[in-house]
C-alpha atoms as a PDB file:
ATOM      1  CA  MET A   1    -156.537   4.578 -82.793  1.00  0.00           C
ATOM      2  CA  THR A   2    -157.027   8.323 -82.469  1.00  0.00           C
ATOM      3  CA  THR A   3    -160.080  10.425 -83.040  1.00  0.00           C
ATOM      4  CA  ASP A   4    -160.787  13.933 -84.211  1.00  0.00           C
ATOM      5  CA  ILE A   5    -161.276  16.261 -81.277  1.00  0.00           C
ATOM      6  CA  ARG A   6    -163.778  19.102 -81.363  1.00  0.00           C
ATOM      7  CA  GLY A   7    -161.826  22.326 -81.421  1.00  0.00           C
ATOM      8  CA  GLY A   8    -158.375  20.704 -81.553  1.00  0.00           C
ATOM      9  CA  SER A   9    -156.074  19.065 -79.069  1.00  0.00           C
ATOM     10  CA  PRO A  10    -156.908  19.231 -75.371  1.00  0.00           C
ATOM     11  CA  LEU A  11    -153.289  20.314 -74.925  1.00  0.00           C
ATOM     12  CA  THR A  12    -153.970  23.648 -76.603  1.00  0.00           C
ATOM     13  CA  VAL A  13    -156.639  24.717 -74.085  1.00  0.00           C
ATOM     14  CA  GLU A  14    -155.856  27.501 -71.635  1.00  0.00           C
ATOM     15  CA  ILE A  15    -156.101  26.438 -68.009  1.00  0.00           C
ATOM     16  CA  ALA A  16    -154.428  27.607 -64.815  1.00  0.00           C
ATOM     17  CA  ALA A  17    -151.959  25.578 -62.783  1.00  0.00           C
ATOM     18  CA  LEU A  18    -153.047  24.446 -59.316  1.00  0.00           C
ATOM     19  CA  GLN A  19    -150.810  27.000 -57.602  1.00  0.00           C
ATOM     20  CA  GLY A  20    -151.827  29.804 -60.000  1.00  0.00           C
ATOM     21  CA  GLY A  21    -150.553  31.125 -63.298  1.00  0.00           C
ATOM     22  CA  PRO A  22    -151.025  29.362 -66.622  1.00  0.00           C
ATOM     23  CA  ALA A  23    -150.532  25.589 -66.786  1.00  0.00           C
ATOM     24  CA  ASP A  24    -149.295  25.857 -70.421  1.00  0.00           C
ATOM     25  CA  LEU A  25    -150.489  22.436 -71.534  1.00  0.00           C
ATOM     26  CA  SER A  26    -148.799  22.943 -74.905  1.00  0.00           C
ATOM     27  CA  GLN A  27    -145.508  22.085 -73.175  1.00  0.00           C
ATOM     28  CA  TYR A  28    -146.772  18.482 -73.167  1.00  0.00           C
ATOM     29  CA  LEU A  29    -147.157  18.269 -76.948  1.00  0.00           C
ATOM     30  CA  GLY A  30    -144.625  15.660 -78.005  1.00  0.00           C
ATOM     31  CA  ARG A  31    -145.144  13.738 -74.751  1.00  0.00           C
ATOM     32  CA  VAL A  32    -147.654  11.040 -73.855  1.00  0.00           C
ATOM     33  CA  VAL A  33    -150.083  12.359 -71.215  1.00  0.00           C
ATOM     34  CA  LEU A  34    -152.523  10.560 -68.923  1.00  0.00           C
ATOM     35  CA  LEU A  35    -155.044  13.244 -67.945  1.00  0.00           C
ATOM     36  CA  VAL A  36    -157.138  12.379 -64.875  1.00  0.00           C
ATOM     37  CA  ASN A  37    -159.857  14.236 -62.963  1.00  0.00           C
ATOM     38  CA  VAL A  38    -158.850  13.781 -59.331  1.00  0.00           C
ATOM     39  CA  ALA A  39    -160.331  14.215 -55.852  1.00  0.00           C
ATOM     40  CA  SER A  40    -158.878  13.950 -52.347  1.00  0.00           C
ATOM     41  CA  LYS A  41    -161.894  12.562 -50.481  1.00  0.00           C
ATOM     42  CA  CYS A  42    -163.103   9.782 -52.782  1.00  0.00           C
ATOM     43  CA  GLY A  43    -163.057   6.011 -52.435  1.00  0.00           C
ATOM     44  CA  LEU A  44    -160.818   6.022 -55.515  1.00  0.00           C
ATOM     45  CA  THR A  45    -158.341   8.548 -54.039  1.00  0.00           C
ATOM     46  CA  PRO A  46    -155.723   5.804 -53.410  1.00  0.00           C
ATOM     47  CA  GLN A  47    -155.280   5.796 -57.201  1.00  0.00           C
ATOM     48  CA  TYR A  48    -153.019   8.818 -56.605  1.00  0.00           C
ATOM     49  CA  GLY A  49    -150.350   6.299 -55.549  1.00  0.00           C
ATOM     50  CA  GLY A  50    -150.603   4.343 -58.806  1.00  0.00           C
ATOM     51  CA  LEU A  51    -150.682   7.534 -60.857  1.00  0.00           C
ATOM     52  CA  GLU A  52    -147.482   8.751 -59.200  1.00  0.00           C
ATOM     53  CA  ARG A  53    -145.730   5.396 -59.722  1.00  0.00           C
ATOM     54  CA  LEU A  54    -146.782   5.408 -63.390  1.00  0.00           C
ATOM     55  CA  HIS A  55    -145.547   8.990 -63.754  1.00  0.00           C
ATOM     56  CA  GLU A  56    -142.172   8.115 -62.205  1.00  0.00           C
ATOM     57  CA  ARG A  57    -141.820   4.865 -64.178  1.00  0.00           C
ATOM     58  CA  TYR A  58    -142.218   6.469 -67.614  1.00  0.00           C
ATOM     59  CA  ALA A  59    -141.281  10.154 -67.165  1.00  0.00           C
ATOM     60  CA  GLU A  60    -137.827   9.736 -68.686  1.00  0.00           C
ATOM     61  CA  ARG A  61    -139.403   8.164 -71.783  1.00  0.00           C
ATOM     62  CA  GLY A  62    -141.632  11.196 -72.418  1.00  0.00           C
ATOM     63  CA  PHE A  63    -144.698  10.486 -70.246  1.00  0.00           C
ATOM     64  CA  THR A  64    -146.590  12.774 -67.861  1.00  0.00           C
ATOM     65  CA  VAL A  65    -149.599  12.296 -65.620  1.00  0.00           C
ATOM     66  CA  LEU A  66    -151.689  15.470 -65.428  1.00  0.00           C
ATOM     67  CA  GLY A  67    -154.119  15.802 -62.524  1.00  0.00           C
ATOM     68  CA  VAL A  68    -157.235  17.946 -62.877  1.00  0.00           C
ATOM     69  CA  PRO A  69    -159.014  18.441 -59.531  1.00  0.00           C
ATOM     70  CA  CYS A  70    -162.814  18.455 -59.633  1.00  0.00           C
ATOM     71  CA  ASN A  71    -165.416  18.905 -56.883  1.00  0.00           C
ATOM     72  CA  GLN A  72    -168.511  17.918 -58.892  1.00  0.00           C
ATOM     73  CA  PHE A  73    -168.918  14.394 -57.505  1.00  0.00           C
ATOM     74  CA  LEU A  74    -170.451  14.569 -54.009  1.00  0.00           C
ATOM     75  CA  GLY A  75    -168.123  17.438 -53.078  1.00  0.00           C
ATOM     76  CA  GLN A  76    -165.138  15.095 -52.822  1.00  0.00           C
ATOM     77  CA  GLU A  77    -162.554  17.784 -53.660  1.00  0.00           C
ATOM     78  CA  PRO A  78    -163.570  20.665 -51.374  1.00  0.00           C
ATOM     79  CA  GLY A  79    -160.079  21.957 -50.590  1.00  0.00           C
ATOM     80  CA  SER A  80    -158.277  25.076 -51.681  1.00  0.00           C
ATOM     81  CA  ALA A  81    -155.391  24.824 -54.133  1.00  0.00           C
ATOM     82  CA  GLN A  82    -152.952  24.860 -51.202  1.00  0.00           C
ATOM     83  CA  GLU A  83    -154.869  22.139 -49.336  1.00  0.00           C
ATOM     84  CA  ILE A  84    -155.019  19.941 -52.459  1.00  0.00           C
ATOM     85  CA  ALA A  85    -151.291  20.365 -53.111  1.00  0.00           C
ATOM     86  CA  GLU A  86    -150.378  19.603 -49.487  1.00  0.00           C
ATOM     87  CA  PHE A  87    -152.636  16.541 -49.333  1.00  0.00           C
ATOM     88  CA  CYS A  88    -151.292  15.082 -52.585  1.00  0.00           C
ATOM     89  CA  SER A  89    -147.666  15.680 -51.649  1.00  0.00           C
ATOM     90  CA  ALA A  90    -147.861  14.552 -48.016  1.00  0.00           C
ATOM     91  CA  THR A  91    -150.182  11.571 -48.518  1.00  0.00           C
ATOM     92  CA  TYR A  92    -149.112  10.171 -51.893  1.00  0.00           C
ATOM     93  CA  GLY A  93    -145.823  11.914 -52.718  1.00  0.00           C
ATOM     94  CA  VAL A  94    -147.359  13.365 -55.877  1.00  0.00           C
ATOM     95  CA  THR A  95    -144.852  15.109 -58.146  1.00  0.00           C
ATOM     96  CA  PHE A  96    -146.877  15.175 -61.371  1.00  0.00           C
ATOM     97  CA  PRO A  97    -148.394  18.501 -62.471  1.00  0.00           C
ATOM     98  CA  MET A  98    -151.890  19.554 -61.456  1.00  0.00           C
ATOM     99  CA  THR A  99    -154.230  22.161 -62.876  1.00  0.00           C
ATOM    100  CA  GLU A 100    -156.726  24.408 -61.178  1.00  0.00           C
ATOM    101  CA  LYS A 101    -159.955  22.845 -59.912  1.00  0.00           C
ATOM    102  CA  VAL A 102    -162.551  22.772 -62.719  1.00  0.00           C
ATOM    103  CA  GLU A 103    -165.987  21.448 -63.604  1.00  0.00           C
ATOM    104  CA  VAL A 104    -165.932  18.473 -65.964  1.00  0.00           C
ATOM    105  CA  ASN A 105    -169.681  18.192 -66.663  1.00  0.00           C
ATOM    106  CA  GLY A 106    -172.664  20.480 -67.180  1.00  0.00           C
ATOM    107  CA  GLU A 107    -172.985  24.080 -68.296  1.00  0.00           C
ATOM    108  CA  GLY A 108    -169.816  25.046 -66.427  1.00  0.00           C
ATOM    109  CA  ARG A 109    -167.733  22.307 -68.057  1.00  0.00           C
ATOM    110  CA  HIS A 110    -164.204  23.554 -68.663  1.00  0.00           C
ATOM    111  CA  PRO A 111    -163.215  23.755 -72.376  1.00  0.00           C
ATOM    112  CA  LEU A 112    -160.535  21.137 -71.660  1.00  0.00           C
ATOM    113  CA  TYR A 113    -163.277  18.578 -71.030  1.00  0.00           C
ATOM    114  CA  ASP A 114    -165.291  19.786 -74.026  1.00  0.00           C
ATOM    115  CA  ARG A 115    -162.406  18.360 -76.057  1.00  0.00           C
ATOM    116  CA  LEU A 116    -162.309  15.062 -74.159  1.00  0.00           C
ATOM    117  CA  VAL A 117    -165.853  13.835 -73.521  1.00  0.00           C
ATOM    118  CA  GLY A 118    -166.587  12.938 -77.153  1.00  0.00           C
ATOM    119  CA  PHE A 119    -164.020  10.146 -77.056  1.00  0.00           C
ATOM    120  CA  ALA A 120    -165.394   6.693 -76.157  1.00  0.00           C
ATOM    121  CA  ASP A 121    -163.729   4.147 -73.899  1.00  0.00           C
ATOM    122  CA  ALA A 122    -163.319   0.464 -74.836  1.00  0.00           C
ATOM    123  CA  GLY A 123    -166.843  -0.229 -73.560  1.00  0.00           C
ATOM    124  CA  GLY A 124    -168.336   2.449 -75.812  1.00  0.00           C
ATOM    125  CA  HIS A 125    -168.984   5.105 -73.140  1.00  0.00           C
ATOM    126  CA  SER A 126    -168.586   8.661 -74.344  1.00  0.00           C
ATOM    127  CA  GLY A 127    -170.074  11.858 -73.028  1.00  0.00           C
ATOM    128  CA  ASP A 128    -170.141  13.053 -69.440  1.00  0.00           C
ATOM    129  CA  ILE A 129    -167.426  12.100 -66.992  1.00  0.00           C
ATOM    130  CA  ARG A 130    -168.844   9.349 -64.769  1.00  0.00           C
ATOM    131  CA  TRP A 131    -166.857   9.937 -61.573  1.00  0.00           C
ATOM    132  CA  ASN A 132    -163.524  11.006 -60.145  1.00  0.00           C
ATOM    133  CA  PHE A 133    -160.431   9.394 -61.690  1.00  0.00           C
ATOM    134  CA  GLU A 134    -161.729   8.978 -65.248  1.00  0.00           C
ATOM    135  CA  LYS A 135    -158.606   8.824 -67.406  1.00  0.00           C
ATOM    136  CA  PHE A 136    -157.726  10.015 -70.925  1.00  0.00           C
ATOM    137  CA  LEU A 137    -154.528   8.988 -72.677  1.00  0.00           C
ATOM    138  CA  ILE A 138    -153.243  11.650 -75.067  1.00  0.00           C
ATOM    139  CA  GLY A 139    -150.636  10.762 -77.681  1.00  0.00           C
ATOM    140  CA  ARG A 140    -147.542  12.740 -78.624  1.00  0.00           C
ATOM    141  CA  ASP A 141    -149.525  14.500 -81.380  1.00  0.00           C
ATOM    142  CA  GLY A 142    -152.007  15.857 -78.818  1.00  0.00           C
ATOM    143  CA  ALA A 143    -154.897  13.582 -79.852  1.00  0.00           C
ATOM    144  CA  VAL A 144    -156.864  11.413 -77.414  1.00  0.00           C
ATOM    145  CA  VAL A 145    -156.025   7.749 -77.997  1.00  0.00           C
ATOM    146  CA  ALA A 146    -157.786   6.016 -75.079  1.00  0.00           C
ATOM    147  CA  ARG A 147    -160.299   6.590 -72.306  1.00  0.00           C
ATOM    148  CA  PHE A 148    -160.481   4.526 -69.128  1.00  0.00           C
ATOM    149  CA  SER A 149    -163.258   4.273 -66.544  1.00  0.00           C
ATOM    150  CA  PRO A 150    -162.752   5.666 -63.056  1.00  0.00           C
ATOM    151  CA  GLN A 151    -162.471   2.145 -61.628  1.00  0.00           C
ATOM    152  CA  THR A 152    -159.597   1.202 -63.973  1.00  0.00           C
ATOM    153  CA  GLU A 153    -156.471   1.263 -61.841  1.00  0.00           C
ATOM    154  CA  PRO A 154    -153.600   3.386 -63.196  1.00  0.00           C
ATOM    155  CA  GLU A 155    -151.212   0.425 -63.064  1.00  0.00           C
ATOM    156  CA  SER A 156    -153.645  -2.029 -64.660  1.00  0.00           C
ATOM    157  CA  ALA A 157    -152.423  -4.025 -67.663  1.00  0.00           C
ATOM    158  CA  GLU A 158    -154.910  -2.099 -69.819  1.00  0.00           C
ATOM    159  CA  VAL A 159    -153.475   1.327 -68.944  1.00  0.00           C
ATOM    160  CA  VAL A 160    -149.819   0.248 -68.861  1.00  0.00           C
ATOM    161  CA  SER A 161    -150.023  -1.449 -72.272  1.00  0.00           C
ATOM    162  CA  ALA A 162    -151.693   1.620 -73.798  1.00  0.00           C
ATOM    163  CA  VAL A 163    -149.030   3.921 -72.316  1.00  0.00           C
ATOM    164  CA  GLU A 164    -146.221   1.668 -73.520  1.00  0.00           C
ATOM    165  CA  ALA A 165    -147.731   1.431 -77.014  1.00  0.00           C
ATOM    166  CA  GLU A 166    -147.885   5.220 -77.267  1.00  0.00           C
ATOM    167  CA  LEU A 167    -144.344   5.619 -75.959  1.00  0.00           C
ATOM    168  CA  ALA A 168    -143.091   3.048 -78.485  1.00  0.00           C
ATOM    169  CA  GLY A 169    -144.999   4.602 -81.377  1.00  0.00           C
END
């Protein structure tokens, strides 16, 4: 089930890549994307491993994980772009794309998250991002199709079945 998104698809928003220059999210239209706000110094940081395995498992079928660093939750992503990239690569072997560090809540909320927070998860939560590693599944048409809480593991049956359903559809 998809929902209308204020202002259009999140994949049409302008945002920079982690290492600079435009991220060009429109290149992911036609793919299934799991967009996740990430942090390097969080209790949930080990989810990077599951995100990378998910990315590798389904990439050839048209799937991409997209990491969006955020430092709004207890300062758990304090690093520079270079430090974030090095940590993710060296610690978790991350190969999926990452954007610049942004704010996901409040007055400084990046327009990307303006287009995401209106979508509710299975428990009915919509609105502000609750913590690092909140996940949004975006279908091939660029519409949000699912939202998962930060505590939902990337390789959980709930996430995997939603990814597989979108890839099959």
